[in-house]
Amino acid sequence: MSAGEGREAPGRTLAVDWGRRRIGLAVSDELGLTVRGLPTVEHIHREADLAAIEDVARRLEARRLLVGRPVHLDGRAGASSREAARFGKALAKRCGLELILWDERLTSVEAGERLREARPGTRVEKPAVDRMAAQILLEDYLRAQDAACDASS
């Protein structure tokens, strides 16, 4: 089986790391092999945020939305998790895309660590952390898809 084979539907996945101040974005390639970060969306208001991300999804011809749900370490969903899910549902409906809600536990922590390792001694900008968190979210999802494909073969 080649990489990317066995997934339900090929096509780009747009990852959304929702936050109250900024929204990190990342996208996969058509086969789900590579991930790249996209410019962070600065929160204006819900309608503007939805419109901005819808534009990105359409331009990139995304097939699905992957929205991170921040959950507590014990797995409980808090207020932020519910807000992210509501935002994801509104975005998916608006774009007409499949919605996948995914555990994003500790992605921002890992993002900060990766960025500090890559650029020691420099200040890590918050938009870069949000972008990297979206990339990590998407990498985790794609890795899980590969593992599921391997397990079923």
N, C-alpha and C. Protein backbone atom coordinates (compact mmCIF):
# COMPACT_ATOMS: atom_id res chain seq x y z
N MET A 1 0.85 -1.18 0.00
CA MET A 1 0.00 0.00 0.00
C MET A 1 0.90 1.23 0.00
N SER A 2 0.62 2.17 -0.88
CA SER A 2 1.41 3.39 -0.94
C SER A 2 0.91 4.39 0.10
N ALA A 3 1.74 5.36 0.43
CA ALA A 3 1.33 6.38 1.40
C ALA A 3 0.11 7.12 0.89
N GLY A 4 -0.84 7.33 1.75
CA GLY A 4 -2.05 8.05 1.37
C GLY A 4 -3.14 7.13 0.85
N GLU A 5 -2.79 5.88 0.47
CA GLU A 5 -3.79 4.95 -0.05
C GLU A 5 -4.62 4.41 1.10
N GLY A 6 -5.90 4.15 0.84
CA GLY A 6 -6.76 3.58 1.86
C GLY A 6 -7.52 4.60 2.66
N ARG A 7 -7.23 5.85 2.47
CA ARG A 7 -8.00 6.90 3.14
C ARG A 7 -9.35 6.99 2.47
N GLU A 8 -10.35 7.43 3.25
CA GLU A 8 -11.71 7.49 2.74
C GLU A 8 -11.83 8.33 1.48
N ALA A 9 -11.32 9.53 1.47
CA ALA A 9 -11.44 10.40 0.30
C ALA A 9 -10.19 11.24 0.17
N PRO A 10 -9.54 11.20 -1.00
CA PRO A 10 -8.38 12.07 -1.18
C PRO A 10 -8.83 13.53 -1.24
N GLY A 11 -7.91 14.40 -1.08
CA GLY A 11 -8.21 15.83 -1.14
C GLY A 11 -7.64 16.55 0.06
N ARG A 12 -7.56 17.83 -0.06
CA ARG A 12 -6.96 18.65 1.01
C ARG A 12 -7.84 18.71 2.25
N THR A 13 -7.17 18.68 3.39
CA THR A 13 -7.82 18.90 4.68
C THR A 13 -7.34 20.24 5.20
N LEU A 14 -8.28 21.09 5.59
CA LEU A 14 -7.95 22.38 6.19
C LEU A 14 -8.10 22.26 7.69
N ALA A 15 -6.99 22.46 8.41
CA ALA A 15 -7.00 22.39 9.87
C ALA A 15 -7.21 23.78 10.46
N VAL A 16 -8.04 23.84 11.50
CA VAL A 16 -8.39 25.09 12.14
C VAL A 16 -8.11 24.97 13.64
N ASP A 17 -7.18 25.78 14.12
CA ASP A 17 -6.89 25.85 15.55
C ASP A 17 -7.58 27.11 16.07
N TRP A 18 -8.85 26.94 16.49
CA TRP A 18 -9.68 28.07 16.90
C TRP A 18 -9.21 28.64 18.23
N GLY A 19 -9.22 29.96 18.29
CA GLY A 19 -8.92 30.65 19.54
C GLY A 19 -9.71 31.93 19.61
N ARG A 20 -9.83 32.46 20.80
CA ARG A 20 -10.63 33.69 20.99
C ARG A 20 -9.96 34.92 20.38
N ARG A 21 -8.64 34.88 20.21
CA ARG A 21 -7.92 36.03 19.64
C ARG A 21 -7.43 35.79 18.22
N ARG A 22 -7.00 34.57 17.96
CA ARG A 22 -6.45 34.22 16.65
C ARG A 22 -6.90 32.81 16.28
N ILE A 23 -6.86 32.54 14.97
CA ILE A 23 -7.23 31.22 14.47
C ILE A 23 -6.08 30.74 13.59
N GLY A 24 -5.41 29.68 14.05
CA GLY A 24 -4.33 29.10 13.28
C GLY A 24 -4.88 28.20 12.19
N LEU A 25 -4.23 28.22 11.03
CA LEU A 25 -4.67 27.40 9.90
C LEU A 25 -3.50 26.63 9.32
N ALA A 26 -3.80 25.43 8.82
CA ALA A 26 -2.83 24.62 8.10
C ALA A 26 -3.60 23.79 7.08
N VAL A 27 -2.90 23.33 6.06
CA VAL A 27 -3.56 22.54 5.01
C VAL A 27 -2.65 21.38 4.62
N SER A 28 -3.28 20.28 4.25
CA SER A 28 -2.53 19.13 3.74
C SER A 28 -2.48 19.22 2.22
N ASP A 29 -1.61 18.43 1.62
CA ASP A 29 -1.64 18.29 0.17
C ASP A 29 -2.80 17.36 -0.20
N GLU A 30 -3.00 17.14 -1.49
CA GLU A 30 -4.12 16.32 -1.98
C GLU A 30 -4.11 14.90 -1.42
N LEU A 31 -2.92 14.34 -1.22
CA LEU A 31 -2.81 12.95 -0.76
C LEU A 31 -2.69 12.83 0.75
N GLY A 32 -2.62 13.94 1.44
CA GLY A 32 -2.47 13.88 2.89
C GLY A 32 -1.09 13.46 3.34
N LEU A 33 -0.08 13.80 2.53
CA LEU A 33 1.29 13.42 2.86
C LEU A 33 2.07 14.54 3.52
N THR A 34 1.78 15.77 3.14
CA THR A 34 2.51 16.91 3.69
C THR A 34 1.54 17.93 4.27
N VAL A 35 2.07 18.74 5.15
CA VAL A 35 1.28 19.76 5.85
C VAL A 35 2.04 21.07 5.77
N ARG A 36 1.33 22.15 5.54
CA ARG A 36 1.97 23.47 5.60
C ARG A 36 1.07 24.45 6.33
N GLY A 37 1.70 25.34 7.07
CA GLY A 37 0.97 26.36 7.79
C GLY A 37 0.51 27.47 6.85
N LEU A 38 -0.57 28.11 7.23
CA LEU A 38 -1.14 29.22 6.47
C LEU A 38 -1.17 30.46 7.36
N PRO A 39 -1.35 31.63 6.77
CA PRO A 39 -1.43 32.84 7.61
C PRO A 39 -2.53 32.72 8.67
N THR A 40 -2.22 33.19 9.84
CA THR A 40 -3.15 33.17 10.96
C THR A 40 -4.24 34.22 10.75
N VAL A 41 -5.46 33.87 11.11
CA VAL A 41 -6.59 34.80 11.02
C VAL A 41 -6.72 35.50 12.37
N GLU A 42 -6.61 36.82 12.36
CA GLU A 42 -6.82 37.60 13.59
C GLU A 42 -8.32 37.72 13.82
N HIS A 43 -8.76 37.40 15.01
CA HIS A 43 -10.20 37.45 15.32
C HIS A 43 -10.71 38.88 15.21
N ILE A 44 -11.79 39.03 14.45
CA ILE A 44 -12.48 40.32 14.35
C ILE A 44 -13.84 40.14 15.01
N HIS A 45 -14.68 39.36 14.38
CA HIS A 45 -15.95 38.91 14.94
C HIS A 45 -16.32 37.64 14.20
N ARG A 46 -17.22 36.88 14.75
CA ARG A 46 -17.53 35.55 14.24
C ARG A 46 -17.80 35.54 12.73
N GLU A 47 -18.64 36.42 12.24
CA GLU A 47 -18.99 36.44 10.82
C GLU A 47 -17.77 36.69 9.94
N ALA A 48 -16.94 37.65 10.34
CA ALA A 48 -15.72 37.94 9.57
C ALA A 48 -14.76 36.76 9.61
N ASP A 49 -14.64 36.12 10.76
CA ASP A 49 -13.77 34.95 10.89
C ASP A 49 -14.24 33.83 9.97
N LEU A 50 -15.55 33.55 10.00
CA LEU A 50 -16.12 32.50 9.15
C LEU A 50 -15.88 32.82 7.67
N ALA A 51 -16.11 34.07 7.28
CA ALA A 51 -15.93 34.47 5.88
C ALA A 51 -14.47 34.33 5.44
N ALA A 52 -13.54 34.73 6.30
CA ALA A 52 -12.12 34.64 5.96
C ALA A 52 -11.69 33.20 5.77
N ILE A 53 -12.13 32.32 6.65
CA ILE A 53 -11.72 30.91 6.55
C ILE A 53 -12.45 30.22 5.41
N GLU A 54 -13.70 30.59 5.17
CA GLU A 54 -14.43 30.05 4.02
C GLU A 54 -13.68 30.39 2.73
N ASP A 55 -13.19 31.62 2.62
CA ASP A 55 -12.43 32.03 1.44
C ASP A 55 -11.19 31.16 1.26
N VAL A 56 -10.48 30.90 2.35
CA VAL A 56 -9.28 30.04 2.29
C VAL A 56 -9.67 28.63 1.85
N ALA A 57 -10.72 28.08 2.44
CA ALA A 57 -11.16 26.72 2.11
C ALA A 57 -11.53 26.61 0.63
N ARG A 58 -12.21 27.60 0.11
CA ARG A 58 -12.61 27.58 -1.30
C ARG A 58 -11.40 27.73 -2.23
N ARG A 59 -10.52 28.67 -1.91
CA ARG A 59 -9.32 28.87 -2.74
C ARG A 59 -8.47 27.61 -2.81
N LEU A 60 -8.36 26.92 -1.69
CA LEU A 60 -7.52 25.72 -1.63
C LEU A 60 -8.26 24.46 -2.06
N GLU A 61 -9.56 24.61 -2.33
CA GLU A 61 -10.41 23.47 -2.71
C GLU A 61 -10.33 22.35 -1.66
N ALA A 62 -10.47 22.75 -0.40
CA ALA A 62 -10.44 21.78 0.71
C ALA A 62 -11.64 20.85 0.60
N ARG A 63 -11.43 19.61 1.01
CA ARG A 63 -12.49 18.60 1.01
C ARG A 63 -13.13 18.44 2.39
N ARG A 64 -12.33 18.76 3.42
CA ARG A 64 -12.84 18.58 4.78
C ARG A 64 -12.19 19.60 5.70
N LEU A 65 -12.86 19.83 6.82
CA LEU A 65 -12.36 20.72 7.86
C LEU A 65 -12.00 19.90 9.09
N LEU A 66 -10.84 20.14 9.62
CA LEU A 66 -10.40 19.51 10.85
C LEU A 66 -10.30 20.63 11.89
N VAL A 67 -11.18 20.59 12.86
CA VAL A 67 -11.21 21.65 13.88
C VAL A 67 -10.77 21.06 15.21
N GLY A 68 -9.77 21.69 15.81
CA GLY A 68 -9.27 21.23 17.09
C GLY A 68 -10.22 21.57 18.23
N ARG A 69 -10.40 20.58 19.09
CA ARG A 69 -11.20 20.79 20.31
C ARG A 69 -10.26 20.76 21.50
N PRO A 70 -10.08 21.90 22.14
CA PRO A 70 -9.23 21.91 23.33
C PRO A 70 -9.94 21.22 24.49
N VAL A 71 -9.36 20.14 24.96
CA VAL A 71 -9.95 19.42 26.09
C VAL A 71 -8.95 19.42 27.24
N HIS A 72 -9.48 19.22 28.44
CA HIS A 72 -8.62 19.14 29.62
C HIS A 72 -7.80 17.85 29.55
N LEU A 73 -6.73 17.79 30.33
CA LEU A 73 -5.87 16.61 30.31
C LEU A 73 -6.62 15.34 30.66
N ASP A 74 -7.68 15.45 31.47
CA ASP A 74 -8.46 14.26 31.82
C ASP A 74 -9.52 13.92 30.76
N GLY A 75 -9.54 14.68 29.66
CA GLY A 75 -10.46 14.39 28.56
C GLY A 75 -11.78 15.14 28.61
N ARG A 76 -12.03 15.89 29.69
CA ARG A 76 -13.29 16.64 29.79
C ARG A 76 -13.27 17.83 28.83
N ALA A 77 -14.44 18.10 28.25
CA ALA A 77 -14.59 19.26 27.37
C ALA A 77 -15.01 20.46 28.21
N GLY A 78 -14.32 21.56 28.03
CA GLY A 78 -14.68 22.79 28.74
C GLY A 78 -15.37 23.77 27.81
N ALA A 79 -15.50 25.00 28.26
CA ALA A 79 -16.18 26.04 27.48
C ALA A 79 -15.49 26.28 26.14
N SER A 80 -14.16 26.33 26.12
CA SER A 80 -13.43 26.55 24.87
C SER A 80 -13.67 25.43 23.87
N SER A 81 -13.76 24.22 24.37
CA SER A 81 -14.02 23.07 23.51
C SER A 81 -15.39 23.19 22.85
N ARG A 82 -16.37 23.58 23.65
CA ARG A 82 -17.73 23.74 23.10
C ARG A 82 -17.78 24.89 22.09
N GLU A 83 -17.07 25.98 22.38
CA GLU A 83 -17.04 27.12 21.45
C GLU A 83 -16.36 26.73 20.14
N ALA A 84 -15.26 25.99 20.22
CA ALA A 84 -14.56 25.54 19.02
C ALA A 84 -15.46 24.63 18.18
N ALA A 85 -16.19 23.74 18.85
CA ALA A 85 -17.10 22.83 18.14
C ALA A 85 -18.21 23.62 17.45
N ARG A 86 -18.78 24.60 18.14
CA ARG A 86 -19.83 25.43 17.53
C ARG A 86 -19.29 26.19 16.31
N PHE A 87 -18.09 26.74 16.46
CA PHE A 87 -17.47 27.45 15.34
C PHE A 87 -17.25 26.49 14.18
N GLY A 88 -16.72 25.31 14.47
CA GLY A 88 -16.48 24.32 13.42
C GLY A 88 -17.75 23.92 12.70
N LYS A 89 -18.82 23.71 13.45
CA LYS A 89 -20.10 23.32 12.83
C LYS A 89 -20.62 24.43 11.93
N ALA A 90 -20.52 25.68 12.38
CA ALA A 90 -20.98 26.81 11.57
C ALA A 90 -20.13 26.93 10.30
N LEU A 91 -18.83 26.74 10.43
CA LEU A 91 -17.93 26.83 9.29
C LEU A 91 -18.19 25.71 8.29
N ALA A 92 -18.36 24.49 8.78
CA ALA A 92 -18.62 23.35 7.90
C ALA A 92 -19.93 23.54 7.14
N LYS A 93 -20.94 24.02 7.84
CA LYS A 93 -22.24 24.26 7.19
C LYS A 93 -22.10 25.33 6.12
N ARG A 94 -21.41 26.38 6.45
CA ARG A 94 -21.23 27.50 5.52
C ARG A 94 -20.45 27.07 4.27
N CYS A 95 -19.44 26.22 4.45
CA CYS A 95 -18.59 25.78 3.34
C CYS A 95 -19.11 24.54 2.64
N GLY A 96 -20.04 23.84 3.29
CA GLY A 96 -20.53 22.58 2.72
C GLY A 96 -19.48 21.48 2.77
N LEU A 97 -18.66 21.48 3.81
CA LEU A 97 -17.58 20.50 3.94
C LEU A 97 -17.81 19.57 5.12
N GLU A 98 -17.20 18.40 5.02
CA GLU A 98 -17.21 17.45 6.13
C GLU A 98 -16.46 18.07 7.30
N LEU A 99 -16.97 17.86 8.51
CA LEU A 99 -16.33 18.38 9.72
C LEU A 99 -15.79 17.23 10.55
N ILE A 100 -14.54 17.38 10.95
CA ILE A 100 -13.91 16.43 11.86
C ILE A 100 -13.46 17.24 13.07
N LEU A 101 -13.96 16.90 14.24
CA LEU A 101 -13.51 17.53 15.48
C LEU A 101 -12.43 16.63 16.07
N TRP A 102 -11.29 17.22 16.44
CA TRP A 102 -10.13 16.43 16.85
C TRP A 102 -9.53 16.99 18.13
N ASP A 103 -9.14 16.10 19.00
CA ASP A 103 -8.50 16.47 20.27
C ASP A 103 -7.20 17.23 19.98
N GLU A 104 -7.14 18.46 20.46
CA GLU A 104 -5.93 19.25 20.23
C GLU A 104 -5.14 19.46 21.51
N ARG A 105 -5.35 18.59 22.46
CA ARG A 105 -4.68 18.69 23.76
C ARG A 105 -3.17 18.89 23.58
N LEU A 106 -2.67 19.94 24.17
CA LEU A 106 -1.24 20.27 24.24
C LEU A 106 -0.59 20.65 22.91
N THR A 107 -1.37 20.88 21.84
CA THR A 107 -0.74 21.27 20.58
C THR A 107 -0.05 22.62 20.68
N SER A 108 -0.63 23.55 21.42
CA SER A 108 0.00 24.87 21.55
C SER A 108 1.30 24.79 22.35
N VAL A 109 1.33 23.92 23.34
CA VAL A 109 2.56 23.72 24.12
C VAL A 109 3.64 23.14 23.21
N GLU A 110 3.28 22.10 22.45
CA GLU A 110 4.25 21.49 21.53
C GLU A 110 4.69 22.50 20.46
N ALA A 111 3.76 23.31 19.98
CA ALA A 111 4.09 24.31 18.96
C ALA A 111 5.13 25.29 19.49
N GLY A 112 4.92 25.78 20.70
CA GLY A 112 5.87 26.71 21.30
C GLY A 112 7.24 26.07 21.46
N GLU A 113 7.26 24.81 21.88
CA GLU A 113 8.54 24.10 22.05
C GLU A 113 9.26 23.94 20.71
N ARG A 114 8.54 23.54 19.67
CA ARG A 114 9.16 23.37 18.35
C ARG A 114 9.74 24.69 17.84
N LEU A 115 8.99 25.76 18.01
CA LEU A 115 9.46 27.05 17.52
C LEU A 115 10.66 27.55 18.30
N ARG A 116 10.67 27.34 19.62
CA ARG A 116 11.83 27.75 20.43
C ARG A 116 13.07 26.93 20.07
N GLU A 117 12.87 25.63 19.78
CA GLU A 117 14.00 24.79 19.37
C GLU A 117 14.56 25.23 18.02
N ALA A 118 13.66 25.63 17.12
CA ALA A 118 14.08 26.03 15.77
C ALA A 118 14.79 27.38 15.77
N ARG A 119 14.42 28.25 16.72
CA ARG A 119 14.99 29.60 16.77
C ARG A 119 15.37 29.95 18.20
N PRO A 120 16.39 29.29 18.74
CA PRO A 120 16.77 29.56 20.13
C PRO A 120 17.17 31.03 20.32
N GLY A 121 16.76 31.56 21.45
CA GLY A 121 17.13 32.93 21.78
C GLY A 121 16.26 34.00 21.16
N THR A 122 15.28 33.61 20.35
CA THR A 122 14.39 34.61 19.77
C THR A 122 13.01 34.48 20.40
N ARG A 123 12.30 35.58 20.37
CA ARG A 123 10.94 35.61 20.92
C ARG A 123 9.99 34.88 19.97
N VAL A 124 9.16 34.03 20.52
CA VAL A 124 8.19 33.29 19.71
C VAL A 124 6.91 34.11 19.62
N GLU A 125 6.52 34.47 18.42
CA GLU A 125 5.31 35.26 18.19
C GLU A 125 4.07 34.37 18.30
N LYS A 126 3.03 34.89 18.93
CA LYS A 126 1.81 34.10 19.14
C LYS A 126 1.15 33.64 17.85
N PRO A 127 1.09 34.46 16.79
CA PRO A 127 0.51 33.94 15.54
C PRO A 127 1.28 32.73 14.99
N ALA A 128 2.60 32.73 15.17
CA ALA A 128 3.40 31.59 14.72
C ALA A 128 3.05 30.34 15.53
N VAL A 129 2.80 30.50 16.82
CA VAL A 129 2.41 29.37 17.67
C VAL A 129 1.06 28.82 17.20
N ASP A 130 0.12 29.70 16.90
CA ASP A 130 -1.20 29.25 16.44
C ASP A 130 -1.10 28.51 15.10
N ARG A 131 -0.28 29.03 14.20
CA ARG A 131 -0.08 28.38 12.90
C ARG A 131 0.55 27.00 13.10
N MET A 132 1.59 26.94 13.93
CA MET A 132 2.26 25.66 14.19
C MET A 132 1.32 24.69 14.90
N ALA A 133 0.49 25.17 15.80
CA ALA A 133 -0.48 24.30 16.48
C ALA A 133 -1.45 23.68 15.48
N ALA A 134 -1.87 24.46 14.48
CA ALA A 134 -2.74 23.91 13.43
C ALA A 134 -2.01 22.85 12.62
N GLN A 135 -0.72 23.07 12.36
CA GLN A 135 0.07 22.07 11.64
C GLN A 135 0.17 20.78 12.46
N ILE A 136 0.43 20.90 13.74
CA ILE A 136 0.56 19.72 14.61
C ILE A 136 -0.77 18.98 14.68
N LEU A 137 -1.86 19.71 14.80
CA LEU A 137 -3.20 19.12 14.81
C LEU A 137 -3.41 18.28 13.56
N LEU A 138 -3.07 18.84 12.41
CA LEU A 138 -3.25 18.14 11.14
C LEU A 138 -2.29 16.95 11.02
N GLU A 139 -1.05 17.11 11.45
CA GLU A 139 -0.10 15.99 11.44
C GLU A 139 -0.63 14.84 12.29
N ASP A 140 -1.15 15.15 13.49
CA ASP A 140 -1.70 14.11 14.37
C ASP A 140 -2.85 13.38 13.71
N TYR A 141 -3.74 14.13 13.08
CA TYR A 141 -4.89 13.53 12.40
C TYR A 141 -4.43 12.62 11.26
N LEU A 142 -3.52 13.10 10.42
CA LEU A 142 -3.06 12.30 9.28
C LEU A 142 -2.33 11.05 9.75
N ARG A 143 -1.55 11.18 10.83
CA ARG A 143 -0.85 10.02 11.39
C ARG A 143 -1.86 8.98 11.87
N ALA A 144 -2.93 9.44 12.51
CA ALA A 144 -3.98 8.52 12.99
C ALA A 144 -4.68 7.84 11.82
N GLN A 145 -4.87 8.57 10.72
CA GLN A 145 -5.49 7.97 9.53
C GLN A 145 -4.59 6.88 8.96
N ASP A 146 -3.28 7.16 8.90
CA ASP A 146 -2.33 6.16 8.41
C ASP A 146 -2.33 4.92 9.31
N ALA A 147 -2.36 5.14 10.62
CA ALA A 147 -2.36 4.01 11.57
C ALA A 147 -3.62 3.18 11.40
N ALA A 148 -4.76 3.83 11.18
CA ALA A 148 -6.02 3.11 10.98
C ALA A 148 -5.97 2.30 9.69
N CYS A 149 -5.36 2.86 8.65
CA CYS A 149 -5.23 2.14 7.38
C CYS A 149 -4.32 0.93 7.55
N ASP A 150 -3.20 1.13 8.26
CA ASP A 150 -2.27 0.02 8.50
C ASP A 150 -2.92 -1.09 9.31
N ALA A 151 -3.72 -0.72 10.30
CA ALA A 151 -4.38 -1.71 11.16
C ALA A 151 -5.42 -2.51 10.41
N SER A 152 -6.04 -1.91 9.41
CA SER A 152 -7.11 -2.61 8.68
C SER A 152 -6.57 -3.44 7.53
N SER A 153 -5.27 -3.33 7.23
CA SER A 153 -4.74 -4.11 6.11
C SER A 153 -4.08 -5.38 6.57
